[in-house]
Amino acid sequence: MGPSRGKRCPHQRAVTALDPGGAFVAIERNYPPGSVVELRFKLSSSAERIVGTAVVRYGRKDKGIGVEFLEISDRHRRQIMDLVTRITHR
């Protein structure tokens, strides 16, 4: 992914909140704000893996981290937006 590639987060985790700008990742390990991490996850609506880098904006001890996407493809951002739109307009 180039020079801004973040620390790989090898822990099993779950994305519990998601929007086109970022996510909350449930993880026991806490990364300090400002850390750049690499995320890989799948949406329930697609078998394709979304890969990108994100910056940690905040952490909740033993609960997870809130991240803002730095590098994510436009196609993946649209897939996230489509999923969020479908869920919120049920």
Protein backbone atom coordinates (compact mmCIF):
# COMPACT_ATOMS: atom_id res chain seq x y z
CA MET A 1 0.00 0.00 0.00
CA GLY A 2 2.90 2.38 -0.16
CA PRO A 3 4.80 4.35 2.43
CA SER A 4 1.86 5.07 4.75
CA ARG A 5 1.23 1.38 5.38
CA GLY A 6 0.28 0.94 9.01
CA LYS A 7 0.99 -1.61 11.70
CA ARG A 8 -0.72 -4.86 10.87
CA CYS A 9 -3.34 -5.68 13.47
CA PRO A 10 -3.12 -9.51 13.57
CA HIS A 11 -5.79 -9.93 16.23
CA GLN A 12 -9.21 -11.44 15.67
CA ARG A 13 -11.56 -8.52 15.78
CA ALA A 14 -15.01 -7.36 14.82
CA VAL A 15 -16.06 -4.10 13.23
CA THR A 16 -19.01 -3.06 15.42
CA ALA A 17 -19.72 0.37 13.92
CA LEU A 18 -19.03 1.46 10.37
CA ASP A 19 -19.48 4.41 8.05
CA PRO A 20 -17.62 5.57 4.92
CA GLY A 21 -15.23 7.64 7.03
CA GLY A 22 -14.23 5.11 9.66
CA ALA A 23 -15.13 2.35 12.07
CA PHE A 24 -15.08 1.11 15.64
CA VAL A 25 -13.10 -2.10 15.93
CA ALA A 26 -13.71 -4.35 18.94
CA ILE A 27 -10.27 -5.48 20.03
CA GLU A 28 -8.65 -6.13 23.39
CA ARG A 29 -5.32 -4.56 22.51
CA ASN A 30 -5.29 -0.79 22.71
CA TYR A 31 -3.43 1.28 20.13
CA PRO A 32 -2.65 4.88 21.12
CA PRO A 33 -4.37 7.73 19.26
CA GLY A 34 -2.41 8.66 16.16
CA SER A 35 -1.29 5.08 15.46
CA VAL A 36 -1.70 4.04 11.84
CA VAL A 37 -3.07 0.52 11.43
CA GLU A 38 -3.89 -1.73 8.50
CA LEU A 39 -7.43 -3.09 8.51
CA ARG A 40 -8.84 -6.07 6.63
CA PHE A 41 -12.49 -6.98 6.91
CA LYS A 42 -15.47 -8.23 4.94
CA LEU A 43 -18.91 -6.68 4.69
CA SER A 44 -21.89 -8.93 5.25
CA SER A 45 -23.08 -7.97 1.76
CA SER A 46 -19.89 -9.02 -0.06
CA ALA A 47 -17.34 -11.82 -0.10
CA GLU A 48 -14.65 -9.34 -1.11
CA ARG A 49 -12.17 -8.30 1.59
CA ILE A 50 -11.81 -4.57 2.23
CA VAL A 51 -8.23 -3.56 2.92
CA GLY A 52 -7.02 -0.14 3.91
CA THR A 53 -5.12 1.94 6.40
CA ALA A 54 -6.65 3.96 9.20
CA VAL A 55 -5.53 6.25 11.98
CA VAL A 56 -6.62 5.53 15.54
CA ARG A 57 -8.64 8.49 16.84
CA TYR A 58 -9.51 7.08 20.27
CA GLY A 59 -9.39 3.90 22.29
CA ARG A 60 -11.60 2.36 24.96
CA LYS A 61 -9.61 0.09 27.24
CA ASP A 62 -10.46 -3.58 26.64
CA LYS A 63 -13.31 -2.57 24.29
CA GLY A 64 -11.75 -1.35 21.06
CA ILE A 65 -10.54 1.52 18.93
CA GLY A 66 -12.23 4.18 16.83
CA VAL A 67 -10.45 4.69 13.53
CA GLU A 68 -10.65 7.09 10.61
CA PHE A 69 -9.90 5.62 7.20
CA LEU A 70 -6.81 7.06 5.52
CA GLU A 71 -6.43 4.85 2.45
CA ILE A 72 -9.37 2.89 1.16
CA SER A 73 -10.44 2.49 -2.45
CA ASP A 74 -13.34 4.53 -3.78
CA ARG A 75 -15.09 1.28 -4.70
CA HIS A 76 -14.82 -0.02 -1.14
CA ARG A 77 -15.98 3.32 0.28
CA ARG A 78 -19.06 3.11 -1.99
CA GLN A 79 -19.74 -0.46 -0.84
CA ILE A 80 -19.66 0.71 2.77
CA MET A 81 -21.98 3.63 1.94
CA ASP A 82 -24.41 1.31 0.15
CA LEU A 83 -24.50 -1.05 3.14
CA VAL A 84 -25.01 1.79 5.63
CA THR A 85 -27.79 3.26 3.46
CA ARG A 86 -29.58 -0.12 3.20
CA ILE A 87 -29.40 -0.66 6.98
CA THR A 88 -30.54 2.83 7.95
CA HIS A 89 -33.45 2.89 5.49
CA ARG A 90 -35.10 -0.36 6.52
